[in-house]
mmCIF file of all heavy atoms, coordinates in Angstrom:
data_MODEL
# 
_entry.id   MODEL 
# 
loop_
_atom_site.group_PDB 
_atom_site.id 
_atom_site.type_symbol 
_atom_site.label_atom_id 
_atom_site.label_alt_id 
_atom_site.label_comp_id 
_atom_site.label_asym_id 
_atom_site.label_entity_id 
_atom_site.label_seq_id 
_atom_site.pdbx_PDB_ins_code 
_atom_site.Cartn_x 
_atom_site.Cartn_y 
_atom_site.Cartn_z 
_atom_site.occupancy 
_atom_site.B_iso_or_equiv 
_atom_site.pdbx_formal_charge 
_atom_site.auth_seq_id 
_atom_site.auth_comp_id 
_atom_site.auth_asym_id 
_atom_site.auth_atom_id 
_atom_site.pdbx_PDB_model_num 
ATOM 1   N N   . ARG A 1 1  ? 34.187 246.655 88.501  1.00 0.00 ? 1  ARG A N   1 
ATOM 2   C CA  . ARG A 1 1  ? 33.792 248.048 88.273  1.00 0.00 ? 1  ARG A CA  1 
ATOM 3   C C   . ARG A 1 1  ? 34.350 248.585 86.957  1.00 0.00 ? 1  ARG A C   1 
ATOM 4   O O   . ARG A 1 1  ? 33.728 249.438 86.314  1.00 0.00 ? 1  ARG A O   1 
ATOM 5   C CB  . ARG A 1 1  ? 34.253 248.918 89.446  1.00 0.00 ? 1  ARG A CB  1 
ATOM 6   C CG  . ARG A 1 1  ? 33.428 248.695 90.705  1.00 0.00 ? 1  ARG A CG  1 
ATOM 7   C CD  . ARG A 1 1  ? 33.749 249.685 91.804  1.00 0.00 ? 1  ARG A CD  1 
ATOM 8   N NE  . ARG A 1 1  ? 35.016 249.411 92.453  1.00 0.00 ? 1  ARG A NE  1 
ATOM 9   C CZ  . ARG A 1 1  ? 36.030 250.263 92.537  1.00 0.00 ? 1  ARG A CZ  1 
ATOM 10  N NH1 . ARG A 1 1  ? 35.932 251.464 91.986  1.00 0.00 ? 1  ARG A NH1 1 
ATOM 11  N NH2 . ARG A 1 1  ? 37.135 249.944 93.178  1.00 0.00 ? 1  ARG A NH2 1 
ATOM 12  N N   . MET A 1 2  ? 35.527 248.097 86.542  1.00 0.00 ? 2  MET A N   1 
ATOM 13  C CA  . MET A 1 2  ? 36.069 248.470 85.228  1.00 0.00 ? 2  MET A CA  1 
ATOM 14  C C   . MET A 1 2  ? 35.106 248.037 84.118  1.00 0.00 ? 2  MET A C   1 
ATOM 15  O O   . MET A 1 2  ? 34.786 248.812 83.206  1.00 0.00 ? 2  MET A O   1 
ATOM 16  C CB  . MET A 1 2  ? 37.433 247.811 85.009  1.00 0.00 ? 2  MET A CB  1 
ATOM 17  C CG  . MET A 1 2  ? 38.591 248.507 85.669  1.00 0.00 ? 2  MET A CG  1 
ATOM 18  S SD  . MET A 1 2  ? 39.082 249.998 84.756  1.00 0.00 ? 2  MET A SD  1 
ATOM 19  C CE  . MET A 1 2  ? 40.486 250.509 85.768  1.00 0.00 ? 2  MET A CE  1 
ATOM 20  N N   . LEU A 1 3  ? 34.659 246.791 84.194  1.00 0.00 ? 3  LEU A N   1 
ATOM 21  C CA  . LEU A 1 3  ? 33.743 246.289 83.176  1.00 0.00 ? 3  LEU A CA  1 
ATOM 22  C C   . LEU A 1 3  ? 32.437 247.070 83.175  1.00 0.00 ? 3  LEU A C   1 
ATOM 23  O O   . LEU A 1 3  ? 31.913 247.432 82.110  1.00 0.00 ? 3  LEU A O   1 
ATOM 24  C CB  . LEU A 1 3  ? 33.469 244.804 83.416  1.00 0.00 ? 3  LEU A CB  1 
ATOM 25  C CG  . LEU A 1 3  ? 34.672 243.860 83.250  1.00 0.00 ? 3  LEU A CG  1 
ATOM 26  C CD1 . LEU A 1 3  ? 34.286 242.447 83.669  1.00 0.00 ? 3  LEU A CD1 1 
ATOM 27  C CD2 . LEU A 1 3  ? 35.191 243.867 81.819  1.00 0.00 ? 3  LEU A CD2 1 
ATOM 28  N N   . ARG A 1 4  ? 31.910 247.340 84.349  1.00 0.00 ? 4  ARG A N   1 
ATOM 29  C CA  . ARG A 1 4  ? 30.657 248.091 84.439  1.00 0.00 ? 4  ARG A CA  1 
ATOM 30  C C   . ARG A 1 4  ? 30.830 249.526 83.957  1.00 0.00 ? 4  ARG A C   1 
ATOM 31  O O   . ARG A 1 4  ? 29.867 250.158 83.510  1.00 0.00 ? 4  ARG A O   1 
ATOM 32  C CB  . ARG A 1 4  ? 30.139 248.079 85.881  1.00 0.00 ? 4  ARG A CB  1 
ATOM 33  C CG  . ARG A 1 4  ? 29.707 246.701 86.354  1.00 0.00 ? 4  ARG A CG  1 
ATOM 34  C CD  . ARG A 1 4  ? 29.083 246.744 87.736  1.00 0.00 ? 4  ARG A CD  1 
ATOM 35  N NE  . ARG A 1 4  ? 27.844 247.488 87.752  1.00 0.00 ? 4  ARG A NE  1 
ATOM 36  C CZ  . ARG A 1 4  ? 27.098 247.706 88.841  1.00 0.00 ? 4  ARG A CZ  1 
ATOM 37  N NH1 . ARG A 1 4  ? 27.501 247.204 90.009  1.00 0.00 ? 4  ARG A NH1 1 
ATOM 38  N NH2 . ARG A 1 4  ? 25.984 248.384 88.786  1.00 0.00 ? 4  ARG A NH2 1 
ATOM 39  N N   . GLY A 1 5  ? 32.051 250.042 84.047  1.00 0.00 ? 5  GLY A N   1 
ATOM 40  C CA  . GLY A 1 5  ? 32.326 251.390 83.565  1.00 0.00 ? 5  GLY A CA  1 
ATOM 41  C C   . GLY A 1 5  ? 32.583 251.468 82.075  1.00 0.00 ? 5  GLY A C   1 
ATOM 42  O O   . GLY A 1 5  ? 32.858 252.560 81.555  1.00 0.00 ? 5  GLY A O   1 
ATOM 43  N N   . GLY A 1 6  ? 32.511 250.330 81.384  1.00 0.00 ? 6  GLY A N   1 
ATOM 44  C CA  . GLY A 1 6  ? 32.680 250.329 79.937  1.00 0.00 ? 6  GLY A CA  1 
ATOM 45  C C   . GLY A 1 6  ? 34.104 250.087 79.468  1.00 0.00 ? 6  GLY A C   1 
ATOM 46  O O   . GLY A 1 6  ? 34.373 250.179 78.263  1.00 0.00 ? 6  GLY A O   1 
ATOM 47  N N   . TRP A 1 7  ? 35.013 249.747 80.381  1.00 0.00 ? 7  TRP A N   1 
ATOM 48  C CA  . TRP A 1 7  ? 36.398 249.491 80.022  1.00 0.00 ? 7  TRP A CA  1 
ATOM 49  C C   . TRP A 1 7  ? 36.618 248.003 79.760  1.00 0.00 ? 7  TRP A C   1 
ATOM 50  O O   . TRP A 1 7  ? 35.834 247.162 80.199  1.00 0.00 ? 7  TRP A O   1 
ATOM 51  C CB  . TRP A 1 7  ? 37.339 249.965 81.133  1.00 0.00 ? 7  TRP A CB  1 
ATOM 52  C CG  . TRP A 1 7  ? 37.301 251.435 81.347  1.00 0.00 ? 7  TRP A CG  1 
ATOM 53  C CD1 . TRP A 1 7  ? 36.524 252.115 82.250  1.00 0.00 ? 7  TRP A CD1 1 
ATOM 54  C CD2 . TRP A 1 7  ? 38.045 252.418 80.637  1.00 0.00 ? 7  TRP A CD2 1 
ATOM 55  N NE1 . TRP A 1 7  ? 36.742 253.469 82.150  1.00 0.00 ? 7  TRP A NE1 1 
ATOM 56  C CE2 . TRP A 1 7  ? 37.680 253.689 81.161  1.00 0.00 ? 7  TRP A CE2 1 
ATOM 57  C CE3 . TRP A 1 7  ? 39.002 252.368 79.607  1.00 0.00 ? 7  TRP A CE3 1 
ATOM 58  C CZ2 . TRP A 1 7  ? 38.228 254.877 80.696  1.00 0.00 ? 7  TRP A CZ2 1 
ATOM 59  C CZ3 . TRP A 1 7  ? 39.547 253.549 79.146  1.00 0.00 ? 7  TRP A CZ3 1 
ATOM 60  C CH2 . TRP A 1 7  ? 39.161 254.789 79.687  1.00 0.00 ? 7  TRP A CH2 1 
ATOM 61  N N   . GLN A 1 8  ? 37.709 247.708 79.086  1.00 0.00 ? 8  GLN A N   1 
ATOM 62  C CA  . GLN A 1 8  ? 38.079 246.319 78.817  1.00 0.00 ? 8  GLN A CA  1 
ATOM 63  C C   . GLN A 1 8  ? 39.205 245.886 79.745  1.00 0.00 ? 8  GLN A C   1 
ATOM 64  O O   . GLN A 1 8  ? 40.110 246.665 80.048  1.00 0.00 ? 8  GLN A O   1 
ATOM 65  C CB  . GLN A 1 8  ? 38.532 246.155 77.363  1.00 0.00 ? 8  GLN A CB  1 
ATOM 66  C CG  . GLN A 1 8  ? 37.454 246.423 76.337  1.00 0.00 ? 8  GLN A CG  1 
ATOM 67  C CD  . GLN A 1 8  ? 37.967 246.325 74.913  1.00 0.00 ? 8  GLN A CD  1 
ATOM 68  O OE1 . GLN A 1 8  ? 39.147 246.065 74.685  1.00 0.00 ? 8  GLN A OE1 1 
ATOM 69  N NE2 . GLN A 1 8  ? 37.088 246.538 73.947  1.00 0.00 ? 8  GLN A NE2 1 
ATOM 70  N N   . ASN A 1 9  ? 39.150 244.626 80.177  1.00 0.00 ? 9  ASN A N   1 
ATOM 71  C CA  . ASN A 1 9  ? 40.196 244.028 81.004  1.00 0.00 ? 9  ASN A CA  1 
ATOM 72  C C   . ASN A 1 9  ? 40.934 242.984 80.157  1.00 0.00 ? 9  ASN A C   1 
ATOM 73  O O   . ASN A 1 9  ? 40.295 242.099 79.579  1.00 0.00 ? 9  ASN A O   1 
ATOM 74  C CB  . ASN A 1 9  ? 39.604 243.362 82.242  1.00 0.00 ? 9  ASN A CB  1 
ATOM 75  C CG  . ASN A 1 9  ? 38.813 244.321 83.105  1.00 0.00 ? 9  ASN A CG  1 
ATOM 76  O OD1 . ASN A 1 9  ? 38.940 245.535 82.977  1.00 0.00 ? 9  ASN A OD1 1 
ATOM 77  N ND2 . ASN A 1 9  ? 37.992 243.787 83.991  1.00 0.00 ? 9  ASN A ND2 1 
ATOM 78  N N   . TRP A 1 10 ? 42.256 243.075 80.115  1.00 0.00 ? 10 TRP A N   1 
ATOM 79  C CA  . TRP A 1 10 ? 43.033 242.236 79.203  1.00 0.00 ? 10 TRP A CA  1 
ATOM 80  C C   . TRP A 1 10 ? 44.059 241.378 79.931  1.00 0.00 ? 10 TRP A C   1 
ATOM 81  O O   . TRP A 1 10 ? 44.731 241.846 80.860  1.00 0.00 ? 10 TRP A O   1 
ATOM 82  C CB  . TRP A 1 10 ? 43.768 243.093 78.178  1.00 0.00 ? 10 TRP A CB  1 
ATOM 83  C CG  . TRP A 1 10 ? 42.882 243.582 77.063  1.00 0.00 ? 10 TRP A CG  1 
ATOM 84  C CD1 . TRP A 1 10 ? 42.078 244.683 77.084  1.00 0.00 ? 10 TRP A CD1 1 
ATOM 85  C CD2 . TRP A 1 10 ? 42.709 242.981 75.785  1.00 0.00 ? 10 TRP A CD2 1 
ATOM 86  N NE1 . TRP A 1 10 ? 41.405 244.806 75.892  1.00 0.00 ? 10 TRP A NE1 1 
ATOM 87  C CE2 . TRP A 1 10 ? 41.781 243.773 75.064  1.00 0.00 ? 10 TRP A CE2 1 
ATOM 88  C CE3 . TRP A 1 10 ? 43.251 241.849 75.173  1.00 0.00 ? 10 TRP A CE3 1 
ATOM 89  C CZ2 . TRP A 1 10 ? 41.389 243.457 73.773  1.00 0.00 ? 10 TRP A CZ2 1 
ATOM 90  C CZ3 . TRP A 1 10 ? 42.853 241.539 73.877  1.00 0.00 ? 10 TRP A CZ3 1 
ATOM 91  C CH2 . TRP A 1 10 ? 41.928 242.342 73.189  1.00 0.00 ? 10 TRP A CH2 1 
ATOM 92  N N   . TYR A 1 11 ? 44.165 240.136 79.467  1.00 0.00 ? 11 TYR A N   1 
ATOM 93  C CA  . TYR A 1 11 ? 45.292 239.265 79.809  1.00 0.00 ? 11 TYR A CA  1 
ATOM 94  C C   . TYR A 1 11 ? 46.317 239.371 78.687  1.00 0.00 ? 11 TYR A C   1 
ATOM 95  O O   . TYR A 1 11 ? 45.967 239.293 77.501  1.00 0.00 ? 11 TYR A O   1 
ATOM 96  C CB  . TYR A 1 11 ? 44.837 237.812 79.947  1.00 0.00 ? 11 TYR A CB  1 
ATOM 97  C CG  . TYR A 1 11 ? 45.956 236.815 79.749  1.00 0.00 ? 11 TYR A CG  1 
ATOM 98  C CD1 . TYR A 1 11 ? 46.852 236.533 80.776  1.00 0.00 ? 11 TYR A CD1 1 
ATOM 99  C CD2 . TYR A 1 11 ? 46.132 236.178 78.516  1.00 0.00 ? 11 TYR A CD2 1 
ATOM 100 C CE1 . TYR A 1 11 ? 47.899 235.637 80.582  1.00 0.00 ? 11 TYR A CE1 1 
ATOM 101 C CE2 . TYR A 1 11 ? 47.166 235.283 78.316  1.00 0.00 ? 11 TYR A CE2 1 
ATOM 102 C CZ  . TYR A 1 11 ? 48.047 235.016 79.350  1.00 0.00 ? 11 TYR A CZ  1 
ATOM 103 O OH  . TYR A 1 11 ? 49.079 234.136 79.144  1.00 0.00 ? 11 TYR A OH  1 
ATOM 104 N N   . LEU A 1 12 ? 47.597 239.585 79.054  1.00 0.00 ? 12 LEU A N   1 
ATOM 105 C CA  . LEU A 1 12 ? 48.676 239.701 78.074  1.00 0.00 ? 12 LEU A CA  1 
ATOM 106 C C   . LEU A 1 12 ? 49.717 238.615 78.332  1.00 0.00 ? 12 LEU A C   1 
ATOM 107 O O   . LEU A 1 12 ? 50.073 238.361 79.490  1.00 0.00 ? 12 LEU A O   1 
ATOM 108 C CB  . LEU A 1 12 ? 49.326 241.085 78.158  1.00 0.00 ? 12 LEU A CB  1 
ATOM 109 C CG  . LEU A 1 12 ? 48.370 242.281 77.974  1.00 0.00 ? 12 LEU A CG  1 
ATOM 110 C CD1 . LEU A 1 12 ? 49.124 243.588 78.131  1.00 0.00 ? 12 LEU A CD1 1 
ATOM 111 C CD2 . LEU A 1 12 ? 47.666 242.211 76.626  1.00 0.00 ? 12 LEU A CD2 1 
ATOM 112 N N   . PRO A 1 13 ? 50.248 237.989 77.278  1.00 0.00 ? 13 PRO A N   1 
ATOM 113 C CA  . PRO A 1 13 ? 51.166 236.856 77.443  1.00 0.00 ? 13 PRO A CA  1 
ATOM 114 C C   . PRO A 1 13 ? 52.610 237.275 77.705  1.00 0.00 ? 13 PRO A C   1 
ATOM 115 O O   . PRO A 1 13 ? 53.543 236.836 77.028  1.00 0.00 ? 13 PRO A O   1 
ATOM 116 C CB  . PRO A 1 13 ? 51.028 236.118 76.106  1.00 0.00 ? 13 PRO A CB  1 
ATOM 117 C CG  . PRO A 1 13 ? 50.753 237.193 75.121  1.00 0.00 ? 13 PRO A CG  1 
ATOM 118 C CD  . PRO A 1 13 ? 49.900 238.213 75.858  1.00 0.00 ? 13 PRO A CD  1 
ATOM 119 N N   . TYR A 1 14 ? 52.781 238.154 78.700  1.00 0.00 ? 14 TYR A N   1 
ATOM 120 C CA  . TYR A 1 14 ? 54.117 238.567 79.131  1.00 0.00 ? 14 TYR A CA  1 
ATOM 121 C C   . TYR A 1 14 ? 54.297 238.086 80.565  1.00 0.00 ? 14 TYR A C   1 
ATOM 122 O O   . TYR A 1 14 ? 53.349 238.064 81.342  1.00 0.00 ? 14 TYR A O   1 
ATOM 123 C CB  . TYR A 1 14 ? 54.279 240.085 79.024  1.00 0.00 ? 14 TYR A CB  1 
ATOM 124 C CG  . TYR A 1 14 ? 53.846 240.618 77.676  1.00 0.00 ? 14 TYR A CG  1 
ATOM 125 C CD1 . TYR A 1 14 ? 52.847 241.588 77.578  1.00 0.00 ? 14 TYR A CD1 1 
ATOM 126 C CD2 . TYR A 1 14 ? 54.413 240.135 76.506  1.00 0.00 ? 14 TYR A CD2 1 
ATOM 127 C CE1 . TYR A 1 14 ? 52.433 242.072 76.348  1.00 0.00 ? 14 TYR A CE1 1 
ATOM 128 C CE2 . TYR A 1 14 ? 54.004 240.612 75.269  1.00 0.00 ? 14 TYR A CE2 1 
ATOM 129 C CZ  . TYR A 1 14 ? 53.009 241.573 75.194  1.00 0.00 ? 14 TYR A CZ  1 
ATOM 130 O OH  . TYR A 1 14 ? 52.600 242.040 73.963  1.00 0.00 ? 14 TYR A OH  1 
ATOM 131 N N   . ASP A 1 15 ? 55.519 237.742 80.933  1.00 0.00 ? 15 ASP A N   1 
ATOM 132 C CA  . ASP A 1 15 ? 55.725 236.930 82.120  1.00 0.00 ? 15 ASP A CA  1 
ATOM 133 C C   . ASP A 1 15 ? 56.228 237.679 83.351  1.00 0.00 ? 15 ASP A C   1 
ATOM 134 O O   . ASP A 1 15 ? 57.016 238.613 83.259  1.00 0.00 ? 15 ASP A O   1 
ATOM 135 C CB  . ASP A 1 15 ? 56.735 235.815 81.811  1.00 0.00 ? 15 ASP A CB  1 
ATOM 136 C CG  . ASP A 1 15 ? 56.197 234.812 80.810  1.00 0.00 ? 15 ASP A CG  1 
ATOM 137 O OD1 . ASP A 1 15 ? 54.971 234.591 80.796  1.00 0.00 ? 15 ASP A OD1 1 
ATOM 138 O OD2 . ASP A 1 15 ? 57.000 234.256 80.038  1.00 0.00 ? 15 ASP A OD2 1 
ATOM 139 N N   . ILE A 1 16 ? 55.738 237.204 84.486  1.00 0.00 ? 16 ILE A N   1 
ATOM 140 C CA  . ILE A 1 16 ? 56.349 237.457 85.782  1.00 0.00 ? 16 ILE A CA  1 
ATOM 141 C C   . ILE A 1 16 ? 56.374 236.122 86.517  1.00 0.00 ? 16 ILE A C   1 
ATOM 142 O O   . ILE A 1 16 ? 55.654 235.190 86.157  1.00 0.00 ? 16 ILE A O   1 
ATOM 143 C CB  . ILE A 1 16 ? 55.587 238.498 86.634  1.00 0.00 ? 16 ILE A CB  1 
ATOM 144 C CG1 . ILE A 1 16 ? 54.228 237.931 87.080  1.00 0.00 ? 16 ILE A CG1 1 
ATOM 145 C CG2 . ILE A 1 16 ? 55.412 239.817 85.898  1.00 0.00 ? 16 ILE A CG2 1 
ATOM 146 C CD1 . ILE A 1 16 ? 53.534 238.759 88.146  1.00 0.00 ? 16 ILE A CD1 1 
ATOM 147 N N   . ILE A 1 17 ? 57.218 236.030 87.516  1.00 0.00 ? 17 ILE A N   1 
ATOM 148 C CA  . ILE A 1 17 ? 57.160 234.899 88.443  1.00 0.00 ? 17 ILE A CA  1 
ATOM 149 C C   . ILE A 1 17 ? 56.460 235.381 89.707  1.00 0.00 ? 17 ILE A C   1 
ATOM 150 O O   . ILE A 1 17 ? 56.784 236.435 90.238  1.00 0.00 ? 17 ILE A O   1 
ATOM 151 C CB  . ILE A 1 17 ? 58.568 234.373 88.789  1.00 0.00 ? 17 ILE A CB  1 
ATOM 152 C CG1 . ILE A 1 17 ? 59.279 233.873 87.530  1.00 0.00 ? 17 ILE A CG1 1 
ATOM 153 C CG2 . ILE A 1 17 ? 58.475 233.249 89.816  1.00 0.00 ? 17 ILE A CG2 1 
ATOM 154 C CD1 . ILE A 1 17 ? 60.716 233.463 87.779  1.00 0.00 ? 17 ILE A CD1 1 
ATOM 155 N N   . HIS A 1 18 ? 55.492 234.604 90.152  1.00 0.00 ? 18 HIS A N   1 
ATOM 156 C CA  . HIS A 1 18 ? 54.773 234.941 91.386  1.00 0.00 ? 18 HIS A CA  1 
ATOM 157 C C   . HIS A 1 18 ? 55.015 233.827 92.393  1.00 0.00 ? 18 HIS A C   1 
ATOM 158 O O   . HIS A 1 18 ? 54.536 232.711 92.210  1.00 0.00 ? 18 HIS A O   1 
ATOM 159 C CB  . HIS A 1 18 ? 53.275 235.096 91.114  1.00 0.00 ? 18 HIS A CB  1 
ATOM 160 C CG  . HIS A 1 18 ? 52.500 235.534 92.320  1.00 0.00 ? 18 HIS A CG  1 
ATOM 161 N ND1 . HIS A 1 18 ? 51.154 235.317 92.468  1.00 0.00 ? 18 HIS A ND1 1 
ATOM 162 C CD2 . HIS A 1 18 ? 52.890 236.187 93.451  1.00 0.00 ? 18 HIS A CD2 1 
ATOM 163 C CE1 . HIS A 1 18 ? 50.745 235.815 93.622  1.00 0.00 ? 18 HIS A CE1 1 
ATOM 164 N NE2 . HIS A 1 18 ? 51.782 236.335 94.236  1.00 0.00 ? 18 HIS A NE2 1 
ATOM 165 N N   . TYR A 1 19 ? 55.792 234.148 93.426  1.00 0.00 ? 19 TYR A N   1 
ATOM 166 C CA  . TYR A 1 19 ? 56.072 233.162 94.462  1.00 0.00 ? 19 TYR A CA  1 
ATOM 167 C C   . TYR A 1 19 ? 54.882 233.077 95.399  1.00 0.00 ? 19 TYR A C   1 
ATOM 168 O O   . TYR A 1 19 ? 54.956 233.433 96.577  1.00 0.00 ? 19 TYR A O   1 
ATOM 169 C CB  . TYR A 1 19 ? 57.342 233.540 95.220  1.00 0.00 ? 19 TYR A CB  1 
ATOM 170 C CG  . TYR A 1 19 ? 58.564 233.593 94.339  1.00 0.00 ? 19 TYR A CG  1 
ATOM 171 C CD1 . TYR A 1 19 ? 59.037 234.805 93.844  1.00 0.00 ? 19 TYR A CD1 1 
ATOM 172 C CD2 . TYR A 1 19 ? 59.246 232.437 93.995  1.00 0.00 ? 19 TYR A CD2 1 
ATOM 173 C CE1 . TYR A 1 19 ? 60.151 234.868 93.027  1.00 0.00 ? 19 TYR A CE1 1 
ATOM 174 C CE2 . TYR A 1 19 ? 60.368 232.481 93.180  1.00 0.00 ? 19 TYR A CE2 1 
ATOM 175 C CZ  . TYR A 1 19 ? 60.804 233.697 92.701  1.00 0.00 ? 19 TYR A CZ  1 
ATOM 176 O OH  . TYR A 1 19 ? 61.905 233.748 91.891  1.00 0.00 ? 19 TYR A OH  1 
ATOM 177 N N   . LYS A 1 20 ? 53.775 232.624 94.857  1.00 0.00 ? 20 LYS A N   1 
ATOM 178 C CA  . LYS A 1 20 ? 52.512 232.621 95.594  1.00 0.00 ? 20 LYS A CA  1 
ATOM 179 C C   . LYS A 1 20 ? 52.634 231.789 96.860  1.00 0.00 ? 20 LYS A C   1 
ATOM 180 O O   . LYS A 1 20 ? 53.136 230.675 96.834  1.00 0.00 ? 20 LYS A O   1 
ATOM 181 C CB  . LYS A 1 20 ? 51.403 232.064 94.710  1.00 0.00 ? 20 LYS A CB  1 
ATOM 182 C CG  . LYS A 1 20 ? 50.018 232.164 95.342  1.00 0.00 ? 20 LYS A CG  1 
ATOM 183 C CD  . LYS A 1 20 ? 48.978 231.603 94.400  1.00 0.00 ? 20 LYS A CD  1 
ATOM 184 C CE  . LYS A 1 20 ? 47.605 231.669 95.034  1.00 0.00 ? 20 LYS A CE  1 
ATOM 185 N NZ  . LYS A 1 20 ? 46.576 231.068 94.176  1.00 0.00 ? 20 LYS A NZ  1 
ATOM 186 N N   . GLY A 1 21 ? 52.143 232.354 97.951  1.00 0.00 ? 21 GLY A N   1 
ATOM 187 C CA  . GLY A 1 21 ? 52.221 231.650 99.221  1.00 0.00 ? 21 GLY A CA  1 
ATOM 188 C C   . GLY A 1 21 ? 53.391 232.109 100.065 1.00 0.00 ? 21 GLY A C   1 
ATOM 189 O O   . GLY A 1 21 ? 53.498 231.743 101.225 1.00 0.00 ? 21 GLY A O   1 
ATOM 190 N N   . LYS A 1 22 ? 54.295 232.925 99.490  1.00 0.00 ? 22 LYS A N   1 
ATOM 191 C CA  . LYS A 1 22 ? 55.436 233.401 100.262 1.00 0.00 ? 22 LYS A CA  1 
ATOM 192 C C   . LYS A 1 22 ? 55.081 234.650 101.065 1.00 0.00 ? 22 LYS A C   1 
ATOM 193 O O   . LYS A 1 22 ? 55.662 234.918 102.100 1.00 0.00 ? 22 LYS A O   1 
ATOM 194 C CB  . LYS A 1 22 ? 56.619 233.706 99.340  1.00 0.00 ? 22 LYS A CB  1 
ATOM 195 C CG  . LYS A 1 22 ? 57.086 232.492 98.548  1.00 0.00 ? 22 LYS A CG  1 
ATOM 196 C CD  . LYS A 1 22 ? 57.430 231.326 99.458  1.00 0.00 ? 22 LYS A CD  1 
ATOM 197 C CE  . LYS A 1 22 ? 57.935 230.137 98.658  1.00 0.00 ? 22 LYS A CE  1 
ATOM 198 N NZ  . LYS A 1 22 ? 58.240 228.981 99.514  1.00 0.00 ? 22 LYS A NZ  1 
ATOM 199 N N   . SER A 1 23 ? 54.127 235.439 100.578 1.00 0.00 ? 23 SER A N   1 
ATOM 200 C CA  . SER A 1 23 ? 53.719 236.610 101.344 1.00 0.00 ? 23 SER A CA  1 
ATOM 201 C C   . SER A 1 23 ? 52.477 236.342 102.176 1.00 0.00 ? 23 SER A C   1 
ATOM 202 O O   . SER A 1 23 ? 52.083 237.147 103.002 1.00 0.00 ? 23 SER A O   1 
ATOM 203 C CB  . SER A 1 23 ? 53.468 237.804 100.413 1.00 0.00 ? 23 SER A CB  1 
ATOM 204 O OG  . SER A 1 23 ? 52.451 237.516 99.490  1.00 0.00 ? 23 SER A OG  1 
ATOM 205 N N   . THR A 1 24 ? 51.822 235.179 101.948 1.00 0.00 ? 24 THR A N   1 
ATOM 206 C CA  . THR A 1 24 ? 50.680 234.783 102.775 1.00 0.00 ? 24 THR A CA  1 
ATOM 207 C C   . THR A 1 24 ? 50.719 233.279 102.947 1.00 0.00 ? 24 THR A C   1 
ATOM 208 O O   . THR A 1 24 ? 51.230 232.554 102.112 1.00 0.00 ? 24 THR A O   1 
ATOM 209 C CB  . THR A 1 24 ? 49.333 235.165 102.122 1.00 0.00 ? 24 THR A CB  1 
ATOM 210 O OG1 . THR A 1 24 ? 49.286 234.590 100.815 1.00 0.00 ? 24 THR A OG1 1 
ATOM 211 C CG2 . THR A 1 24 ? 49.162 236.656 102.055 1.00 0.00 ? 24 THR A CG2 1 
ATOM 212 N N   . GLN A 1 25 ? 50.133 232.814 104.022 1.00 0.00 ? 25 GLN A N   1 
ATOM 213 C CA  . GLN A 1 25 ? 50.060 231.379 104.273 1.00 0.00 ? 25 GLN A CA  1 
ATOM 214 C C   . GLN A 1 25 ? 48.639 230.922 103.977 1.00 0.00 ? 25 GLN A C   1 
ATOM 215 O O   . GLN A 1 25 ? 47.712 231.200 104.726 1.00 0.00 ? 25 GLN A O   1 
ATOM 216 C CB  . GLN A 1 25 ? 50.431 231.070 105.722 1.00 0.00 ? 25 GLN A CB  1 
ATOM 217 C CG  . GLN A 1 25 ? 50.299 229.606 106.106 1.00 0.00 ? 25 GLN A CG  1 
ATOM 218 C CD  . GLN A 1 25 ? 51.063 228.696 105.166 1.00 0.00 ? 25 GLN A CD  1 
ATOM 219 O OE1 . GLN A 1 25 ? 50.474 228.146 104.250 1.00 0.00 ? 25 GLN A OE1 1 
ATOM 220 N NE2 . GLN A 1 25 ? 52.352 228.545 105.382 1.00 0.00 ? 25 GLN A NE2 1 
# 
């Protein structure tokens, strides 16, 4: 919906750690 609304979506090379799979199985 952001894209359809004319906005830009950006990936930025700044870091987080995501312990993926720890909050869901």
